[in-house]
């Protein structure tokens, strides 16, 4: 017996043939039809999901549009009594009615977190809440409010309208003309 080669006495060669396709497996055409049916089902499911997502997007847009359109409804309702009082005060000529109306307006603004920005003289100028309309020479510290021309308003912490103010600037001292020909010696 040779050492490097094995002996195959009793081995015989058999060809492996596929078993009858009709026995346990479905034909290729049937497998293809099943696969195509599954693909079609998945395609339909994907289209349904896409349609649902599109509907949800449209619904959200419609809700946002409605919310934006009617966002001020409660605020407007709170102002209506003040308008009614103002109309009544104008009809009767009673100034006490105007004062009542002003208090109603203030109450409605407070209810919706609208606050006044009314700087007092001497308060530091804040460019985020104040708008300087003029700068005047004053004995006050520079960049402080000298007078308020119109109140400003905040909604929570956002400026609706800045307060219009006059701001102090330093007083210029005229000790003499810096360009003078009197001291030319």
N, C-alpha and C. Protein backbone atom coordinates (compact mmCIF):
# COMPACT_ATOMS: atom_id res chain seq x y z
N UNK A 1 0.82 -1.15 0.00
CA UNK A 1 0.00 0.00 0.00
C UNK A 1 0.89 1.23 0.00
N UNK A 2 0.53 2.13 -0.89
CA UNK A 2 1.32 3.35 -0.98
C UNK A 2 0.86 4.31 0.09
N UNK A 3 1.81 4.98 0.59
CA UNK A 3 1.49 5.82 1.73
C UNK A 3 0.71 7.08 1.38
N UNK A 4 0.88 7.74 0.33
CA UNK A 4 0.26 9.02 0.08
C UNK A 4 -1.11 8.93 -0.56
N UNK A 5 -1.54 7.75 -1.06
CA UNK A 5 -2.81 7.67 -1.77
C UNK A 5 -3.77 6.75 -1.06
N UNK A 6 -4.94 7.20 -0.74
CA UNK A 6 -5.92 6.33 -0.09
C UNK A 6 -6.54 5.41 -1.11
N UNK A 7 -7.02 4.33 -0.64
CA UNK A 7 -7.64 3.34 -1.51
C UNK A 7 -9.14 3.45 -1.39
N UNK A 8 -9.82 3.37 -2.53
CA UNK A 8 -11.27 3.45 -2.56
C UNK A 8 -11.82 2.17 -3.12
N UNK A 9 -11.87 1.16 -2.34
CA UNK A 9 -12.34 -0.14 -2.81
C UNK A 9 -13.85 -0.16 -2.97
N UNK A 10 -14.49 0.11 -1.94
CA UNK A 10 -15.91 -0.11 -1.94
C UNK A 10 -16.72 1.17 -2.18
N UNK A 11 -16.11 2.21 -2.56
CA UNK A 11 -16.83 3.45 -2.83
C UNK A 11 -17.38 3.41 -4.23
N UNK A 12 -18.53 3.89 -4.38
CA UNK A 12 -19.04 4.01 -5.73
C UNK A 12 -19.56 5.42 -5.91
N UNK A 13 -19.57 5.84 -7.10
CA UNK A 13 -19.96 7.21 -7.43
C UNK A 13 -21.45 7.25 -7.68
N UNK A 14 -22.09 8.20 -7.06
CA UNK A 14 -23.51 8.38 -7.29
C UNK A 14 -23.74 9.81 -7.75
N UNK A 15 -24.64 9.98 -8.60
CA UNK A 15 -24.99 11.33 -9.03
C UNK A 15 -26.16 11.79 -8.17
N UNK A 16 -26.07 12.99 -7.77
CA UNK A 16 -27.13 13.56 -6.94
C UNK A 16 -28.09 14.29 -7.85
N UNK A 17 -29.26 13.82 -7.90
CA UNK A 17 -30.30 14.43 -8.72
C UNK A 17 -31.30 15.09 -7.76
N UNK A 18 -31.86 16.20 -8.16
CA UNK A 18 -32.88 16.79 -7.30
C UNK A 18 -34.08 15.88 -7.24
N UNK A 19 -34.67 15.86 -6.08
CA UNK A 19 -35.83 15.02 -5.93
C UNK A 19 -36.96 15.59 -6.75
N UNK A 20 -37.95 14.85 -6.92
CA UNK A 20 -39.08 15.26 -7.73
C UNK A 20 -39.64 16.57 -7.18
N UNK A 21 -39.66 17.61 -8.02
CA UNK A 21 -40.09 18.92 -7.59
C UNK A 21 -41.53 18.91 -7.12
N UNK A 22 -42.31 18.06 -7.57
CA UNK A 22 -43.71 18.00 -7.20
C UNK A 22 -43.94 17.42 -5.83
N UNK A 23 -42.96 16.73 -5.24
CA UNK A 23 -43.17 16.05 -3.98
C UNK A 23 -43.35 17.03 -2.82
N UNK A 24 -42.24 17.72 -2.43
CA UNK A 24 -42.32 18.51 -1.21
C UNK A 24 -42.15 20.01 -1.47
N UNK A 25 -41.54 20.40 -2.55
CA UNK A 25 -41.30 21.81 -2.80
C UNK A 25 -42.29 22.33 -3.82
N UNK A 26 -42.49 23.66 -3.73
CA UNK A 26 -43.38 24.28 -4.70
C UNK A 26 -42.56 24.64 -5.93
N UNK A 27 -43.15 24.67 -7.07
CA UNK A 27 -42.40 24.99 -8.28
C UNK A 27 -41.90 26.43 -8.23
N UNK A 28 -40.91 26.73 -9.00
CA UNK A 28 -40.28 28.04 -9.04
C UNK A 28 -41.31 29.12 -9.39
N UNK A 29 -42.20 28.81 -10.30
CA UNK A 29 -43.22 29.80 -10.69
C UNK A 29 -44.10 30.17 -9.49
N UNK A 30 -44.42 29.17 -8.67
CA UNK A 30 -45.24 29.43 -7.49
C UNK A 30 -44.47 30.26 -6.47
N UNK A 31 -43.18 29.96 -6.30
CA UNK A 31 -42.35 30.73 -5.38
C UNK A 31 -42.27 32.19 -5.84
N UNK A 32 -42.09 32.37 -7.15
CA UNK A 32 -42.03 33.72 -7.70
C UNK A 32 -43.36 34.45 -7.47
N UNK A 33 -44.46 33.79 -7.70
CA UNK A 33 -45.77 34.39 -7.50
C UNK A 33 -45.97 34.76 -6.03
N UNK A 34 -45.53 33.90 -5.11
CA UNK A 34 -45.64 34.20 -3.68
C UNK A 34 -44.79 35.41 -3.31
N UNK A 35 -43.57 35.45 -3.84
CA UNK A 35 -42.67 36.56 -3.56
C UNK A 35 -43.25 37.87 -4.10
N UNK A 36 -43.81 37.83 -5.30
CA UNK A 36 -44.42 39.03 -5.87
C UNK A 36 -45.63 39.47 -5.06
N UNK A 37 -46.39 38.52 -4.54
CA UNK A 37 -47.55 38.85 -3.71
C UNK A 37 -47.09 39.52 -2.41
N UNK A 38 -46.02 38.99 -1.81
CA UNK A 38 -45.48 39.61 -0.59
C UNK A 38 -44.97 41.01 -0.87
N UNK A 39 -44.29 41.20 -2.00
CA UNK A 39 -43.78 42.53 -2.38
C UNK A 39 -44.96 43.49 -2.54
N UNK A 40 -46.02 43.04 -3.19
CA UNK A 40 -47.20 43.88 -3.39
C UNK A 40 -47.85 44.24 -2.05
N UNK A 41 -47.91 43.29 -1.11
CA UNK A 41 -48.48 43.56 0.20
C UNK A 41 -47.63 44.60 0.94
N UNK A 42 -46.31 44.46 0.86
CA UNK A 42 -45.43 45.40 1.53
C UNK A 42 -45.53 46.79 0.88
N UNK A 43 -45.66 46.82 -0.45
CA UNK A 43 -45.81 48.09 -1.16
C UNK A 43 -47.11 48.78 -0.72
N UNK A 44 -48.20 48.03 -0.61
CA UNK A 44 -49.47 48.59 -0.17
C UNK A 44 -49.38 49.08 1.27
N UNK A 45 -48.69 48.31 2.12
CA UNK A 45 -48.51 48.72 3.51
C UNK A 45 -47.70 50.02 3.58
N UNK A 46 -46.67 50.10 2.74
CA UNK A 46 -45.84 51.31 2.71
C UNK A 46 -46.67 52.50 2.23
N UNK A 47 -47.50 52.32 1.23
CA UNK A 47 -48.35 53.40 0.73
C UNK A 47 -49.35 53.84 1.80
N UNK A 48 -49.91 52.87 2.56
CA UNK A 48 -50.83 53.23 3.65
C UNK A 48 -50.12 54.06 4.71
N UNK A 49 -48.91 53.66 5.07
CA UNK A 49 -48.15 54.39 6.08
C UNK A 49 -47.82 55.80 5.56
N UNK A 50 -47.42 55.90 4.30
CA UNK A 50 -47.12 57.21 3.72
C UNK A 50 -48.38 58.09 3.71
N UNK A 51 -49.52 57.51 3.35
CA UNK A 51 -50.77 58.27 3.35
C UNK A 51 -51.14 58.72 4.75
N UNK A 52 -50.97 57.83 5.74
CA UNK A 52 -51.27 58.20 7.13
C UNK A 52 -50.35 59.33 7.59
N UNK A 53 -49.06 59.26 7.24
CA UNK A 53 -48.12 60.31 7.61
C UNK A 53 -48.51 61.63 6.94
N UNK A 54 -48.91 61.58 5.68
CA UNK A 54 -49.33 62.79 4.97
C UNK A 54 -50.59 63.37 5.62
N UNK A 55 -51.53 62.52 5.98
CA UNK A 55 -52.75 62.98 6.66
C UNK A 55 -52.42 63.61 8.01
N UNK A 56 -51.51 62.99 8.75
CA UNK A 56 -51.12 63.53 10.05
C UNK A 56 -50.46 64.90 9.87
N UNK A 57 -49.62 65.04 8.85
CA UNK A 57 -48.97 66.33 8.57
C UNK A 57 -50.02 67.39 8.23
N UNK A 58 -50.97 67.04 7.36
CA UNK A 58 -52.02 67.99 6.99
C UNK A 58 -52.88 68.36 8.19
N UNK A 59 -53.18 67.38 9.04
CA UNK A 59 -53.98 67.63 10.24
C UNK A 59 -53.24 68.58 11.18
N UNK A 60 -51.92 68.34 11.35
CA UNK A 60 -51.11 69.20 12.22
C UNK A 60 -51.05 70.62 11.66
N UNK A 61 -50.92 70.76 10.34
CA UNK A 61 -50.91 72.09 9.73
C UNK A 61 -52.24 72.80 9.94
N UNK A 62 -53.33 72.08 9.78
CA UNK A 62 -54.65 72.67 9.97
C UNK A 62 -54.84 73.11 11.42
N UNK A 63 -54.40 72.27 12.37
CA UNK A 63 -54.52 72.63 13.78
C UNK A 63 -53.65 73.84 14.12
N UNK A 64 -52.44 73.89 13.57
CA UNK A 64 -51.56 75.03 13.82
C UNK A 64 -52.15 76.30 13.22
N UNK A 65 -52.73 76.19 12.04
CA UNK A 65 -53.36 77.34 11.41
C UNK A 65 -54.54 77.84 12.24
N UNK A 66 -55.34 76.93 12.73
CA UNK A 66 -56.48 77.30 13.57
C UNK A 66 -56.00 77.92 14.88
N UNK A 67 -55.00 77.32 15.48
CA UNK A 67 -54.46 77.85 16.74
C UNK A 67 -53.92 79.26 16.54
N UNK A 68 -53.23 79.48 15.43
CA UNK A 68 -52.67 80.80 15.15
C UNK A 68 -53.80 81.80 14.88
N UNK A 69 -54.80 81.37 14.15
CA UNK A 69 -55.91 82.25 13.79
C UNK A 69 -56.68 82.71 15.03
N UNK A 70 -56.86 81.82 16.00
CA UNK A 70 -57.66 82.14 17.18
C UNK A 70 -56.82 82.29 18.45
N UNK A 71 -55.52 82.50 18.31
CA UNK A 71 -54.64 82.59 19.48
C UNK A 71 -55.01 83.76 20.38
N UNK A 72 -55.49 84.82 19.81
CA UNK A 72 -55.80 86.02 20.60
C UNK A 72 -57.25 86.06 21.07
N UNK A 73 -57.98 84.99 20.89
CA UNK A 73 -59.39 84.98 21.23
C UNK A 73 -59.62 85.34 22.70
N UNK A 74 -58.92 84.68 23.61
CA UNK A 74 -59.11 84.96 25.05
C UNK A 74 -58.69 86.39 25.38
N UNK A 75 -57.61 86.85 24.76
CA UNK A 75 -57.14 88.21 25.00
C UNK A 75 -58.19 89.22 24.53
N UNK A 76 -58.73 89.00 23.33
CA UNK A 76 -59.75 89.91 22.81
C UNK A 76 -60.99 89.90 23.70
N UNK A 77 -61.38 88.72 24.17
CA UNK A 77 -62.54 88.62 25.07
C UNK A 77 -62.30 89.40 26.36
N UNK A 78 -61.06 89.40 26.84
CA UNK A 78 -60.74 90.13 28.07
C UNK A 78 -60.79 91.64 27.84
N UNK A 79 -60.54 92.09 26.62
CA UNK A 79 -60.56 93.52 26.33
C UNK A 79 -61.96 94.07 26.06
N UNK A 80 -62.89 93.21 25.68
CA UNK A 80 -64.23 93.68 25.31
C UNK A 80 -64.93 94.48 26.42
N UNK A 81 -64.88 94.05 27.69
CA UNK A 81 -65.53 94.87 28.74
C UNK A 81 -64.93 96.27 28.84
N UNK A 82 -63.63 96.39 28.62
CA UNK A 82 -63.00 97.71 28.68
C UNK A 82 -63.51 98.58 27.53
N UNK A 83 -63.65 98.01 26.35
CA UNK A 83 -64.20 98.77 25.23
C UNK A 83 -65.64 99.20 25.51
N UNK A 84 -66.42 98.27 26.09
CA UNK A 84 -67.81 98.61 26.43
C UNK A 84 -67.85 99.77 27.41
N UNK A 85 -66.99 99.74 28.42
CA UNK A 85 -66.96 100.82 29.42
C UNK A 85 -66.52 102.14 28.79
N UNK A 86 -65.57 102.08 27.89
CA UNK A 86 -65.09 103.30 27.23
C UNK A 86 -66.20 103.91 26.38
N UNK A 87 -66.94 103.08 25.65
CA UNK A 87 -68.06 103.58 24.85
C UNK A 87 -69.12 104.22 25.75
N UNK A 88 -69.43 103.57 26.86
CA UNK A 88 -70.42 104.11 27.79
C UNK A 88 -69.95 105.43 28.38
N UNK A 89 -68.66 105.54 28.72
CA UNK A 89 -68.12 106.77 29.29
C UNK A 89 -68.17 107.90 28.27
N UNK A 90 -67.91 107.61 27.02
CA UNK A 90 -67.96 108.63 25.98
C UNK A 90 -69.40 109.12 25.79
N UNK A 91 -70.35 108.19 25.81
CA UNK A 91 -71.76 108.56 25.64
C UNK A 91 -72.26 109.46 26.77
N UNK A 92 -71.82 109.16 28.00
CA UNK A 92 -72.31 109.92 29.15
C UNK A 92 -71.44 111.12 29.47
N UNK A 93 -70.20 111.15 28.97
CA UNK A 93 -69.30 112.26 29.29
C UNK A 93 -68.73 112.17 30.69
N UNK A 94 -68.79 111.01 31.33
CA UNK A 94 -68.34 110.81 32.70
C UNK A 94 -66.87 110.36 32.70
N UNK A 95 -65.98 111.19 33.25
CA UNK A 95 -64.56 110.85 33.27
C UNK A 95 -64.25 109.71 34.22
N UNK A 96 -65.07 109.47 35.21
CA UNK A 96 -64.82 108.35 36.12
C UNK A 96 -64.95 107.04 35.35
N UNK A 97 -65.78 107.05 34.31
CA UNK A 97 -65.90 105.87 33.47
C UNK A 97 -64.62 105.59 32.70
N UNK A 98 -63.91 106.64 32.33
CA UNK A 98 -62.63 106.46 31.62
C UNK A 98 -61.59 105.86 32.56
N UNK A 99 -61.60 106.30 33.80
CA UNK A 99 -60.67 105.73 34.79
C UNK A 99 -60.96 104.26 35.02
N UNK A 100 -62.23 103.91 35.08
CA UNK A 100 -62.62 102.52 35.23
C UNK A 100 -62.14 101.71 34.02
N UNK A 101 -62.31 102.29 32.85
CA UNK A 101 -61.87 101.62 31.62
C UNK A 101 -60.36 101.38 31.64
N UNK A 102 -59.61 102.37 32.08
CA UNK A 102 -58.16 102.22 32.16
C UNK A 102 -57.80 101.08 33.10
N UNK A 103 -58.48 100.98 34.24
CA UNK A 103 -58.21 99.88 35.17
C UNK A 103 -58.57 98.53 34.54
N UNK A 104 -59.65 98.48 33.76
CA UNK A 104 -60.03 97.23 33.09
C UNK A 104 -58.97 96.84 32.05
N UNK A 105 -58.49 97.82 31.31
CA UNK A 105 -57.42 97.53 30.34
C UNK A 105 -56.18 97.00 31.05
N UNK A 106 -55.79 97.64 32.13
CA UNK A 106 -54.62 97.21 32.88
C UNK A 106 -54.81 95.79 33.41
N UNK A 107 -56.00 95.49 33.91
CA UNK A 107 -56.29 94.14 34.41
C UNK A 107 -56.21 93.11 33.30
N UNK A 108 -56.74 93.44 32.13
CA UNK A 108 -56.69 92.50 31.00
C UNK A 108 -55.24 92.26 30.57
N UNK A 109 -54.44 93.32 30.55
CA UNK A 109 -53.03 93.15 30.16
C UNK A 109 -52.28 92.31 31.18
N UNK A 110 -52.52 92.57 32.46
CA UNK A 110 -51.85 91.79 33.52
C UNK A 110 -52.24 90.31 33.43
N UNK A 111 -53.49 90.05 33.14
CA UNK A 111 -53.98 88.67 33.05
C UNK A 111 -53.20 87.88 31.99
N UNK A 112 -52.80 88.57 30.94
CA UNK A 112 -52.08 87.90 29.85
C UNK A 112 -50.58 88.21 29.88
N UNK A 113 -50.08 88.61 31.04
CA UNK A 113 -48.64 88.79 31.28
C UNK A 113 -48.02 89.89 30.42
N UNK A 114 -48.80 90.93 30.17
CA UNK A 114 -48.26 92.11 29.49
C UNK A 114 -47.96 93.12 30.58
N UNK A 115 -46.67 93.53 30.67
CA UNK A 115 -46.24 94.45 31.72
C UNK A 115 -45.72 95.74 31.12
N UNK A 116 -45.86 96.82 31.87
CA UNK A 116 -45.38 98.12 31.43
C UNK A 116 -43.87 98.21 31.60
N UNK A 117 -43.24 98.96 30.71
CA UNK A 117 -41.86 99.37 30.87
C UNK A 117 -41.93 100.89 30.97
N UNK A 118 -41.83 101.40 32.18
CA UNK A 118 -41.95 102.83 32.44
C UNK A 118 -40.75 103.28 33.27
N UNK A 119 -39.62 103.52 32.62
CA UNK A 119 -38.42 103.90 33.38
C UNK A 119 -38.60 105.27 34.06
N UNK A 120 -38.05 105.37 35.25
CA UNK A 120 -38.11 106.62 36.01
C UNK A 120 -36.82 107.40 35.78
N UNK A 121 -36.85 108.70 35.93
CA UNK A 121 -35.62 109.49 35.77
C UNK A 121 -34.51 108.97 36.69
N UNK A 122 -33.34 108.86 36.12
CA UNK A 122 -32.18 108.36 36.86
C UNK A 122 -31.94 106.87 36.64
N UNK A 123 -32.92 106.16 36.08
CA UNK A 123 -32.74 104.73 35.81
C UNK A 123 -31.75 104.57 34.65
N UNK A 124 -30.94 103.54 34.74
CA UNK A 124 -29.94 103.25 33.71
C UNK A 124 -30.62 102.94 32.38
N UNK A 125 -30.12 103.50 31.28
CA UNK A 125 -30.67 103.25 29.95
C UNK A 125 -30.40 101.80 29.56
N UNK A 126 -31.45 101.08 29.17
CA UNK A 126 -31.35 99.68 28.74
C UNK A 126 -31.75 99.61 27.27
N UNK A 127 -30.79 99.42 26.36
CA UNK A 127 -31.12 99.42 24.92
C UNK A 127 -32.04 98.29 24.50
N UNK A 128 -32.20 97.28 25.36
CA UNK A 128 -33.09 96.17 25.03
C UNK A 128 -34.55 96.51 25.36
N UNK A 129 -34.76 97.45 26.27
CA UNK A 129 -36.12 97.79 26.69
C UNK A 129 -36.48 99.25 26.44
N UNK A 130 -35.48 100.07 26.14
CA UNK A 130 -35.70 101.50 25.94
C UNK A 130 -35.23 101.89 24.54
N UNK A 131 -35.85 102.93 24.00
CA UNK A 131 -35.39 103.50 22.73
C UNK A 131 -35.13 104.98 22.99
N UNK A 132 -33.88 105.38 22.80
CA UNK A 132 -33.49 106.76 23.05
C UNK A 132 -33.99 107.63 21.90
N UNK A 133 -34.82 108.60 22.23
CA UNK A 133 -35.34 109.52 21.22
C UNK A 133 -34.50 110.78 21.15
N UNK A 134 -33.83 111.10 22.25
CA UNK A 134 -32.97 112.29 22.28
C UNK A 134 -31.95 112.11 23.39
N UNK A 135 -30.84 112.79 23.22
CA UNK A 135 -29.81 112.83 24.26
C UNK A 135 -29.64 114.30 24.64
N UNK A 136 -29.84 114.60 25.89
CA UNK A 136 -29.76 115.99 26.35
C UNK A 136 -28.70 116.12 27.42
N UNK A 137 -28.10 117.32 27.47
CA UNK A 137 -27.13 117.59 28.53
C UNK A 137 -27.90 117.73 29.83
N UNK A 138 -27.48 117.01 30.82
CA UNK A 138 -28.17 117.05 32.11
C UNK A 138 -27.16 116.83 33.22
N UNK A 139 -27.55 117.24 34.41
CA UNK A 139 -26.70 117.04 35.58
C UNK A 139 -26.71 115.59 36.03
N UNK A 140 -27.56 114.78 35.44
CA UNK A 140 -27.66 113.36 35.80
C UNK A 140 -26.47 112.60 35.22
N UNK A 141 -26.29 111.42 35.75
CA UNK A 141 -25.22 110.56 35.26
C UNK A 141 -25.46 110.23 33.77
N UNK A 142 -24.41 110.23 32.94
CA UNK A 142 -24.59 109.91 31.52
C UNK A 142 -25.21 108.52 31.33
N UNK A 143 -25.95 108.38 30.25
CA UNK A 143 -26.64 107.13 29.89
C UNK A 143 -27.69 106.72 30.91
N UNK A 144 -28.30 107.70 31.52
CA UNK A 144 -29.46 107.42 32.38
C UNK A 144 -30.67 108.12 31.77
N UNK A 145 -31.84 107.65 32.14
CA UNK A 145 -33.09 108.20 31.62
C UNK A 145 -33.36 109.54 32.30
N UNK A 146 -33.67 110.56 31.47
CA UNK A 146 -34.03 111.87 32.00
C UNK A 146 -35.56 111.98 32.04
N UNK A 147 -36.22 111.51 30.97
CA UNK A 147 -37.68 111.57 30.90
C UNK A 147 -38.19 110.42 30.03
N UNK A 148 -39.43 110.00 30.31
CA UNK A 148 -40.07 108.97 29.51
C UNK A 148 -41.15 109.63 28.67
N UNK A 149 -41.04 109.48 27.37
CA UNK A 149 -42.01 110.08 26.45
C UNK A 149 -43.23 109.17 26.26
N UNK A 150 -42.97 107.86 26.22
CA UNK A 150 -44.05 106.89 26.03
C UNK A 150 -43.63 105.58 26.70
N UNK A 151 -44.57 104.97 27.42
CA UNK A 151 -44.28 103.69 28.08
C UNK A 151 -44.06 102.60 27.04
N UNK A 152 -43.28 101.61 27.43
CA UNK A 152 -43.11 100.42 26.60
C UNK A 152 -43.86 99.27 27.25
N UNK A 153 -43.89 98.13 26.57
CA UNK A 153 -44.60 96.97 27.11
C UNK A 153 -43.83 95.70 26.80
N UNK A 154 -43.91 94.75 27.75
CA UNK A 154 -43.31 93.43 27.61
C UNK A 154 -44.42 92.39 27.62
N UNK A 155 -44.26 91.35 26.82
CA UNK A 155 -45.12 90.17 26.89
C UNK A 155 -44.22 89.08 27.44
N UNK A 156 -44.46 88.69 28.68
CA UNK A 156 -43.54 87.83 29.45
C UNK A 156 -42.20 88.55 29.48
N UNK A 157 -41.18 88.07 28.78
CA UNK A 157 -39.88 88.75 28.75
C UNK A 157 -39.55 89.33 27.38
N UNK A 158 -40.48 89.26 26.45
CA UNK A 158 -40.25 89.78 25.10
C UNK A 158 -40.79 91.20 25.00
N UNK A 159 -39.99 92.08 24.38
CA UNK A 159 -40.40 93.47 24.23
C UNK A 159 -41.44 93.58 23.12
N UNK A 160 -42.64 94.05 23.49
CA UNK A 160 -43.66 94.35 22.48
C UNK A 160 -43.40 95.73 21.88
N UNK A 161 -43.08 96.68 22.75
CA UNK A 161 -42.76 98.03 22.33
C UNK A 161 -41.78 98.61 23.33
N UNK A 162 -40.64 99.14 22.88
CA UNK A 162 -39.70 99.74 23.84
C UNK A 162 -40.24 101.07 24.35
N UNK A 163 -39.81 101.44 25.54
CA UNK A 163 -40.18 102.75 26.10
C UNK A 163 -39.37 103.81 25.36
N UNK A 164 -40.05 104.88 24.99
CA UNK A 164 -39.37 106.00 24.31
C UNK A 164 -38.88 106.95 25.39
N UNK A 165 -37.57 107.19 25.42
CA UNK A 165 -36.97 107.96 26.51
C UNK A 165 -36.01 109.02 25.99
N UNK A 166 -35.75 109.98 26.88
CA UNK A 166 -34.70 110.97 26.67
C UNK A 166 -33.57 110.57 27.60
N UNK A 167 -32.35 110.56 27.07
CA UNK A 167 -31.20 110.06 27.81
C UNK A 167 -30.25 111.22 28.12
N UNK A 168 -29.61 111.14 29.27
CA UNK A 168 -28.65 112.17 29.69
C UNK A 168 -27.31 111.92 29.00
N UNK A 169 -26.71 113.03 28.56
CA UNK A 169 -25.34 112.95 28.07
C UNK A 169 -24.51 113.91 28.91
N UNK A 170 -23.20 113.71 28.97
CA UNK A 170 -22.39 114.57 29.85
C UNK A 170 -22.43 116.04 29.39
N UNK A 171 -22.38 116.93 30.36
CA UNK A 171 -22.36 118.36 30.07
C UNK A 171 -20.98 118.71 29.57
N UNK A 172 -20.96 119.37 28.40
CA UNK A 172 -19.65 119.80 27.86
C UNK A 172 -19.22 121.08 28.56
N UNK A 173 -18.00 121.08 29.00
CA UNK A 173 -17.48 122.25 29.70
C UNK A 173 -16.73 123.10 28.69
N UNK A 174 -17.18 124.33 28.52
CA UNK A 174 -16.54 125.24 27.58
C UNK A 174 -15.60 126.16 28.35
N UNK A 175 -14.41 125.68 28.68
CA UNK A 175 -13.44 126.49 29.41
C UNK A 175 -12.78 127.48 28.48
N UNK A 176 -12.94 127.30 27.24
CA UNK A 176 -12.34 128.20 26.26
C UNK A 176 -12.27 127.49 24.94
N UNK A 177 -11.94 128.26 23.95
CA UNK A 177 -11.85 127.70 22.61
C UNK A 177 -10.53 126.94 22.50
N UNK A 178 -10.58 125.66 22.15
CA UNK A 178 -9.32 124.93 22.05
C UNK A 178 -8.47 125.42 20.89
N UNK A 179 -9.09 126.06 19.94
CA UNK A 179 -8.33 126.63 18.81
C UNK A 179 -8.39 128.13 18.99
N UNK A 180 -7.43 128.63 19.70
CA UNK A 180 -7.42 130.07 19.99
C UNK A 180 -6.05 130.62 19.68
N UNK A 181 -6.02 131.85 19.20
CA UNK A 181 -4.73 132.45 18.87
C UNK A 181 -4.29 133.42 19.99
N UNK A 182 -4.93 133.38 21.14
CA UNK A 182 -4.54 134.29 22.23
C UNK A 182 -3.32 133.78 22.98
N UNK A 183 -3.11 132.47 23.01
CA UNK A 183 -1.98 131.92 23.76
C UNK A 183 -0.88 131.45 22.82
N UNK A 184 -0.49 132.28 21.87
CA UNK A 184 0.50 131.87 20.91
C UNK A 184 1.91 132.20 21.31
N UNK A 185 2.18 132.82 22.41
CA UNK A 185 3.53 133.23 22.81
C UNK A 185 4.41 132.10 23.03
